[in-house]
Amino acid sequence: MATSTPRLDSLIAEGTHDAYDGVRLADGHVFTLIVRPGAQVAEVSLFPGLAAPDTEGWENKDHWEVLQTGGEASDGPLYLEVPVQAVRDLIVQHGGEHEDQEAPWHRPARVGAVAGGTTDSVPTAGSVLCAALVQHGLTACTDGMSPSYAIALDPATPAQEVYERPYLAVADRAPAVDHDPDTHTGWVVWLHDENSEPVGAPLYTGGDGELVDCAADSAAAATAIADWLAEFELFTVDGTAYGPYVALRVPAGWDGYDEISVTRSVAAQIVDDLNVRDAGCGLTAAWQGVDLVFTWNKGYRGDEGGSETVVPWADGLYRIGGLWPWARR
């Protein structure tokens, strides 16, 4: 009976959406690939210990580090334009597909362990990060396609809805999550809106692009995420889709017309939404050096018109309120 390849067949049929997705072989080896729906060729990365067949289909060889950082440490060889049939033949040569095809992908601990039929494995960088997050009571979610993790801002968010709301995204600079810890180049954390679009600057950046200690960086990233979640929350302009705007948590008894405290980059986001998306509302904003000046027309506030200047406090934050109602996200 011919060996079936349901995991590979599924990836080829649906495509991997320009992100690496993996296949675990029956003997414990792993490879990841990028393939478009129905394509006849794929981009394939073989994890350490898995060798490419000496055939024509595997001749176009590159390396992860050539694409990532130019370093010498490698996550395994990368092969370009590999015929799908050659990938299928590789799976068959290793006994077919493993029954466990759940991410994150784990690499064989050593070639001898795989040859001996054991399933011992070392963690991926992603699993190191997840373990660090657990220490803070946080859970990393994945949609199985994105080369990153998503962390819900509200811990009560169902896993299947995390990507439908604002969330924190975490990925290696590559970006990736399932790479070997020894090839880790630093976690990057940034806020995404409900459309999976990044909002503002990264909230945490580990290292400077060179190899960094994965355990230490994961612990630091997890702490930064936990601290951010404890200190900040999201706001919108009530009754609109403007935002979300990241601000310091407000005290008990806060009212929608009270102030929220934001960084300059978030204040700039508010200005853009006001001047561009809400153009003609009767209220505009402009920068005068580091100061932010709001100006309104006659009737906007039931008066003859006027202006208000918001200056950064000693902590560098802008306190903005009283001009429209805020709403917690």
Protein backbone atom coordinates (compact mmCIF):
# COMPACT_ATOMS: atom_id res chain seq x y z
CA MET A 1 0.00 0.00 0.00
CA ALA A 2 1.38 3.43 -0.96
CA THR A 3 2.27 5.81 1.88
CA SER A 4 -0.18 8.71 2.08
CA THR A 5 0.86 12.28 2.86
CA PRO A 6 -2.30 14.02 4.16
CA ARG A 7 -0.43 16.84 5.95
CA LEU A 8 1.59 17.76 2.87
CA ASP A 9 -1.44 17.40 0.62
CA SER A 10 -3.39 19.80 2.85
CA LEU A 11 -0.62 22.41 2.82
CA ILE A 12 -0.34 22.21 -0.96
CA ALA A 13 -4.10 22.51 -1.42
CA GLU A 14 -4.51 25.50 0.93
CA GLY A 15 -1.08 27.10 0.63
CA THR A 16 0.93 28.41 3.58
CA HIS A 17 0.12 32.09 3.04
CA ASP A 18 3.77 33.10 2.50
CA ALA A 19 4.71 31.78 5.95
CA TYR A 20 6.60 28.61 6.87
CA ASP A 21 4.47 25.71 8.03
CA GLY A 22 5.77 22.32 9.07
CA VAL A 23 5.56 18.60 8.51
CA ARG A 24 6.73 16.11 11.12
CA LEU A 25 7.96 12.79 9.75
CA ALA A 26 7.27 9.38 11.23
CA ASP A 27 10.86 9.06 12.49
CA GLY A 28 10.70 12.41 14.34
CA HIS A 29 12.44 14.62 11.78
CA VAL A 30 10.85 17.91 10.78
CA PHE A 31 10.88 20.22 7.79
CA THR A 32 9.03 23.44 7.07
CA LEU A 33 7.96 24.81 3.74
CA ILE A 34 6.35 27.71 1.93
CA VAL A 35 4.03 26.72 -0.89
CA ARG A 36 1.26 28.46 -2.80
CA PRO A 37 -2.13 26.76 -3.30
CA GLY A 38 -1.84 24.08 -5.94
CA ALA A 39 1.80 24.89 -6.72
CA GLN A 40 4.16 22.31 -8.18
CA VAL A 41 7.25 23.58 -6.33
CA ALA A 42 7.95 24.66 -2.73
CA GLU A 43 10.59 26.39 -0.62
CA VAL A 44 11.73 23.81 1.95
CA SER A 45 13.82 24.14 5.12
CA LEU A 46 15.20 20.90 6.59
CA PHE A 47 15.74 20.90 10.34
CA PRO A 48 19.09 19.66 11.68
CA GLY A 49 19.59 15.91 11.24
CA LEU A 50 17.39 15.68 8.16
CA ALA A 51 19.39 15.34 4.95
CA ALA A 52 18.12 16.08 1.47
CA PRO A 53 18.11 13.23 -1.06
CA ASP A 54 20.91 13.38 -3.61
CA THR A 55 18.51 14.03 -6.48
CA GLU A 56 17.95 16.78 -9.01
CA GLY A 57 14.96 18.16 -7.13
CA TRP A 58 17.15 19.21 -4.19
CA GLU A 59 19.94 20.98 -6.08
CA ASN A 60 18.86 24.60 -5.49
CA LYS A 61 20.23 25.02 -1.98
CA ASP A 62 20.36 28.15 0.22
CA HIS A 63 20.60 28.68 4.03
CA TRP A 64 18.38 30.22 6.69
CA GLU A 65 21.13 32.49 7.95
CA VAL A 66 21.82 33.84 4.47
CA LEU A 67 18.25 35.07 4.48
CA GLN A 68 18.09 36.13 8.12
CA THR A 69 21.24 37.66 9.54
CA GLY A 70 24.22 36.69 7.45
CA GLY A 71 25.58 34.70 10.39
CA GLU A 72 27.20 31.31 10.34
CA ALA A 73 24.87 29.49 12.72
CA SER A 74 22.23 27.64 10.73
CA ASP A 75 18.76 26.41 11.48
CA GLY A 76 19.18 23.88 8.71
CA PRO A 77 19.61 24.09 4.93
CA LEU A 78 17.01 25.80 2.79
CA TYR A 79 16.09 24.50 -0.66
CA LEU A 80 14.35 26.61 -3.28
CA GLU A 81 11.95 25.46 -6.00
CA VAL A 82 11.78 21.87 -4.79
CA PRO A 83 9.25 19.86 -6.83
CA VAL A 84 6.28 18.82 -4.71
CA GLN A 85 6.82 15.23 -5.80
CA ALA A 86 10.38 15.37 -4.45
CA VAL A 87 9.02 16.55 -1.09
CA ARG A 88 6.51 13.72 -1.10
CA ASP A 89 9.29 11.22 -1.90
CA LEU A 90 11.28 12.53 1.08
CA ILE A 91 8.34 11.89 3.38
CA VAL A 92 7.92 8.36 2.07
CA GLN A 93 11.64 7.64 2.56
CA HIS A 94 11.24 8.48 6.27
CA GLY A 95 8.24 6.23 6.82
CA GLY A 96 5.49 8.74 6.09
CA GLU A 97 4.05 11.48 8.28
CA HIS A 98 3.98 11.41 12.07
CA GLU A 99 0.55 11.24 13.69
CA ASP A 100 1.39 14.41 15.67
CA GLN A 101 1.36 17.39 13.32
CA GLU A 102 0.71 20.08 15.93
CA ALA A 103 2.94 23.20 16.08
CA PRO A 104 5.28 24.34 17.54
CA TRP A 105 7.71 22.11 15.72
CA HIS A 106 10.41 20.31 17.72
CA ARG A 107 13.78 19.30 16.36
CA PRO A 108 15.37 15.89 17.06
CA ALA A 109 17.70 16.08 20.04
CA ARG A 110 20.37 14.12 18.19
CA VAL A 111 20.59 12.03 15.08
CA GLY A 112 21.28 8.91 17.10
CA ALA A 113 18.04 9.32 19.04
CA VAL A 114 16.03 9.48 15.83
CA ALA A 115 17.85 6.51 14.33
CA GLY A 116 17.16 4.57 17.50
CA GLY A 117 13.44 5.22 17.20
CA THR A 118 13.10 7.51 20.23
CA THR A 119 11.22 10.82 20.17
CA ASP A 120 13.51 12.84 22.45
CA SER A 121 13.58 16.46 21.33
CA VAL A 122 14.97 19.83 22.33
CA PRO A 123 12.63 22.82 22.55
CA THR A 124 12.14 25.38 19.85
CA ALA A 125 12.68 29.04 20.68
CA GLY A 126 8.91 29.38 20.67
CA SER A 127 8.45 26.76 23.36
CA VAL A 128 11.09 28.50 25.48
CA LEU A 129 9.11 31.73 25.15
CA CYS A 130 5.82 30.00 25.97
CA ALA A 131 7.32 28.54 29.13
CA ALA A 132 8.48 32.03 30.17
CA LEU A 133 5.02 33.46 29.51
CA VAL A 134 3.39 30.77 31.65
CA GLN A 135 5.41 32.05 34.62
CA HIS A 136 3.38 35.27 34.32
CA GLY A 137 0.08 33.49 33.77
CA LEU A 138 0.09 34.35 30.05
CA THR A 139 -0.80 32.12 27.11
CA ALA A 140 0.55 32.45 23.58
CA CYS A 141 -1.88 31.60 20.77
CA THR A 142 -1.19 30.74 17.15
CA ASP A 143 -3.39 30.46 14.09
CA GLY A 144 -1.09 27.76 12.70
CA MET A 145 -0.06 29.97 9.78
CA SER A 146 1.56 33.14 11.13
CA PRO A 147 5.28 32.95 12.04
CA SER A 148 4.47 34.63 15.35
CA TYR A 149 2.47 34.26 18.55
CA ALA A 150 -0.53 36.32 19.62
CA ILE A 151 -1.24 37.27 23.23
CA ALA A 152 -4.72 38.49 24.10
CA LEU A 153 -4.98 41.80 25.94
CA ASP A 154 -7.90 40.36 27.89
CA PRO A 155 -7.05 36.93 29.35
CA ALA A 156 -10.73 35.97 29.13
CA THR A 157 -10.63 36.17 25.31
CA PRO A 158 -11.42 32.76 23.73
CA ALA A 159 -8.45 31.39 21.81
CA GLN A 160 -10.38 31.38 18.53
CA GLU A 161 -11.14 35.11 18.91
CA VAL A 162 -7.68 36.41 19.80
CA TYR A 163 -6.90 37.49 16.22
CA GLU A 164 -10.28 39.24 15.94
CA ARG A 165 -9.38 41.76 18.65
CA PRO A 166 -6.31 43.92 19.39
CA TYR A 167 -3.46 41.67 20.59
CA LEU A 168 0.28 41.61 21.21
CA ALA A 169 2.29 39.83 18.52
CA VAL A 170 5.65 38.20 19.28
CA ALA A 171 8.17 36.95 16.73
CA ASP A 172 11.88 36.61 16.26
CA ARG A 173 13.49 39.26 14.07
CA ALA A 174 13.50 36.65 11.25
CA PRO A 175 10.44 36.51 11.90
CA ALA A 176 9.77 33.03 13.25
CA VAL A 177 8.95 31.13 16.43
CA ASP A 178 9.89 27.53 15.63
CA HIS A 179 13.61 28.07 15.10
CA ASP A 180 16.36 26.45 17.14
CA PRO A 181 17.11 28.40 20.35
CA ASP A 182 20.77 28.54 19.31
CA THR A 183 19.82 30.60 16.23
CA HIS A 184 17.64 33.08 18.12
CA THR A 185 18.20 36.76 17.20
CA GLY A 186 15.83 38.47 19.62
CA TRP A 187 12.08 38.66 20.26
CA VAL A 188 10.13 41.65 19.03
CA VAL A 189 6.76 42.51 20.62
CA TRP A 190 4.31 44.96 19.13
CA LEU A 191 0.64 45.81 19.37
CA HIS A 192 -1.69 44.75 16.53
CA ASP A 193 -5.24 45.91 15.94
CA GLU A 194 -8.18 43.64 15.16
CA ASN A 195 -7.17 43.69 11.49
CA SER A 196 -3.74 42.28 12.43
CA GLU A 197 -2.10 45.58 11.48
CA PRO A 198 0.78 46.83 13.71
CA VAL A 199 0.03 49.86 15.86
CA GLY A 200 2.89 52.19 16.76
CA ALA A 201 6.46 51.22 17.59
CA PRO A 202 7.56 47.85 19.06
CA LEU A 203 6.89 47.54 22.77
CA TYR A 204 9.92 45.31 23.28
CA THR A 205 12.95 44.52 21.15
CA GLY A 206 15.53 41.96 22.25
CA GLY A 207 19.15 42.21 21.14
CA ASP A 208 20.54 44.11 18.19
CA GLY A 209 20.05 41.56 15.43
CA GLU A 210 22.93 39.29 16.40
CA LEU A 211 22.46 35.95 18.14
CA VAL A 212 21.17 36.30 21.71
CA ASP A 213 20.55 33.89 24.58
CA CYS A 214 17.04 32.59 23.94
CA ALA A 215 16.19 31.76 27.56
CA ALA A 216 17.27 35.17 28.86
CA ASP A 217 15.55 37.02 26.01
CA SER A 218 12.36 34.99 26.46
CA ALA A 219 12.30 35.77 30.18
CA ALA A 220 12.85 39.48 29.48
CA ALA A 221 10.19 39.56 26.76
CA ALA A 222 7.65 37.77 28.97
CA THR A 223 8.32 40.21 31.82
CA ALA A 224 7.96 43.19 29.47
CA ILE A 225 4.66 41.83 28.15
CA ALA A 226 3.29 41.20 31.64
CA ASP A 227 4.37 44.67 32.81
CA TRP A 228 2.80 46.30 29.74
CA LEU A 229 -0.48 44.48 30.19
CA ALA A 230 -0.57 45.54 33.84
CA GLU A 231 0.19 49.19 33.05
CA PHE A 232 -1.66 49.96 29.82
CA GLU A 233 -5.09 49.57 28.28
CA LEU A 234 -6.75 50.50 24.99
CA PHE A 235 -9.17 53.30 24.17
CA THR A 236 -11.20 54.42 21.17
CA VAL A 237 -13.25 57.52 20.47
CA ASP A 238 -16.68 56.51 21.72
CA GLY A 239 -19.02 55.41 18.94
CA THR A 240 -16.29 55.29 16.28
CA ALA A 241 -13.70 52.90 14.89
CA TYR A 242 -10.84 55.32 15.61
CA GLY A 243 -7.95 53.73 17.48
CA PRO A 244 -7.18 51.67 19.37
CA TYR A 245 -5.01 54.06 21.35
CA VAL A 246 -2.63 52.70 23.98
CA ALA A 247 -2.79 54.67 27.22
CA LEU A 248 -1.95 54.29 30.89
CA ARG A 249 -4.63 52.55 32.91
CA VAL A 250 -7.11 55.07 34.28
CA PRO A 251 -8.19 55.27 37.93
CA ALA A 252 -11.50 54.18 39.40
CA GLY A 253 -14.25 56.68 38.75
CA TRP A 254 -12.73 57.74 35.42
CA ASP A 255 -15.21 59.30 32.97
CA GLY A 256 -15.09 59.24 29.16
CA TYR A 257 -14.46 62.98 29.05
CA ASP A 258 -11.56 62.67 31.47
CA GLU A 259 -7.98 62.54 30.24
CA ILE A 260 -6.01 59.57 29.03
CA SER A 261 -2.19 59.58 29.10
CA VAL A 262 -0.43 58.65 25.86
CA THR A 263 3.04 58.73 24.32
CA ARG A 264 3.92 61.12 21.50
CA SER A 265 3.58 58.37 18.88
CA VAL A 266 0.05 57.59 20.09
CA ALA A 267 -0.77 61.30 20.21
CA ALA A 268 0.38 61.50 16.58
CA GLN A 269 -1.98 58.63 15.76
CA ILE A 270 -4.84 60.57 17.37
CA VAL A 271 -3.92 63.66 15.35
CA ASP A 272 -3.92 61.72 12.09
CA ASP A 273 -7.32 60.19 12.83
CA LEU A 274 -8.74 63.59 13.75
CA ASN A 275 -7.34 65.55 10.81
CA VAL A 276 -7.71 62.89 8.11
CA ARG A 277 -10.37 60.35 8.99
CA ASP A 278 -12.60 62.85 10.82
CA ALA A 279 -11.84 65.85 8.60
CA GLY A 280 -14.58 68.46 8.69
CA CYS A 281 -15.81 67.64 12.17
CA GLY A 282 -14.97 71.14 13.36
CA LEU A 283 -11.93 70.14 15.41
CA THR A 284 -8.33 69.95 14.19
CA ALA A 285 -4.91 69.43 15.76
CA ALA A 286 -1.39 70.59 14.92
CA TRP A 287 2.06 70.25 16.40
CA GLN A 288 3.95 73.29 17.60
CA GLY A 289 7.32 71.83 18.51
CA VAL A 290 6.60 69.24 21.17
CA ASP A 291 3.27 70.87 22.08
CA LEU A 292 -0.03 69.70 20.61
CA VAL A 293 -2.64 72.37 19.83
CA PHE A 294 -6.31 71.50 19.34
CA THR A 295 -8.46 74.11 17.60
CA TRP A 296 -12.24 74.03 17.20
CA ASN A 297 -14.72 76.03 15.15
CA LYS A 298 -17.66 78.03 16.38
CA GLY A 299 -20.39 75.75 17.62
CA TYR A 300 -18.19 72.66 18.09
CA ARG A 301 -18.39 73.06 21.87
CA GLY A 302 -21.35 75.42 21.87
CA ASP A 303 -19.07 78.43 22.05
CA GLU A 304 -17.38 80.88 19.70
CA GLY A 305 -14.53 78.51 18.98
CA GLY A 306 -11.15 78.28 20.61
CA SER A 307 -8.04 76.23 21.17
CA GLU A 308 -6.33 74.15 23.80
CA THR A 309 -2.62 73.36 24.05
CA VAL A 310 -1.51 70.01 25.44
CA VAL A 311 2.12 69.93 26.59
CA PRO A 312 4.07 66.79 27.51
CA TRP A 313 4.45 66.24 31.23
CA ALA A 314 7.74 65.43 32.91
CA ASP A 315 7.21 61.74 32.05
CA GLY A 316 6.90 62.64 28.36
CA LEU A 317 3.22 61.66 28.19
CA TYR A 318 0.38 63.76 26.79
CA ARG A 319 -2.84 64.05 28.81
CA ILE A 320 -5.71 64.39 26.33
CA GLY A 321 -9.37 64.68 27.27
CA GLY A 322 -12.48 66.85 27.39
CA LEU A 323 -12.74 67.37 23.62
CA TRP A 324 -14.64 64.14 22.80
CA PRO A 325 -15.75 61.06 24.78
CA TRP A 326 -13.29 58.19 25.16
CA ALA A 327 -14.36 54.57 25.48
CA ARG A 328 -12.38 51.66 26.90
CA ARG A 329 -11.64 49.03 24.28
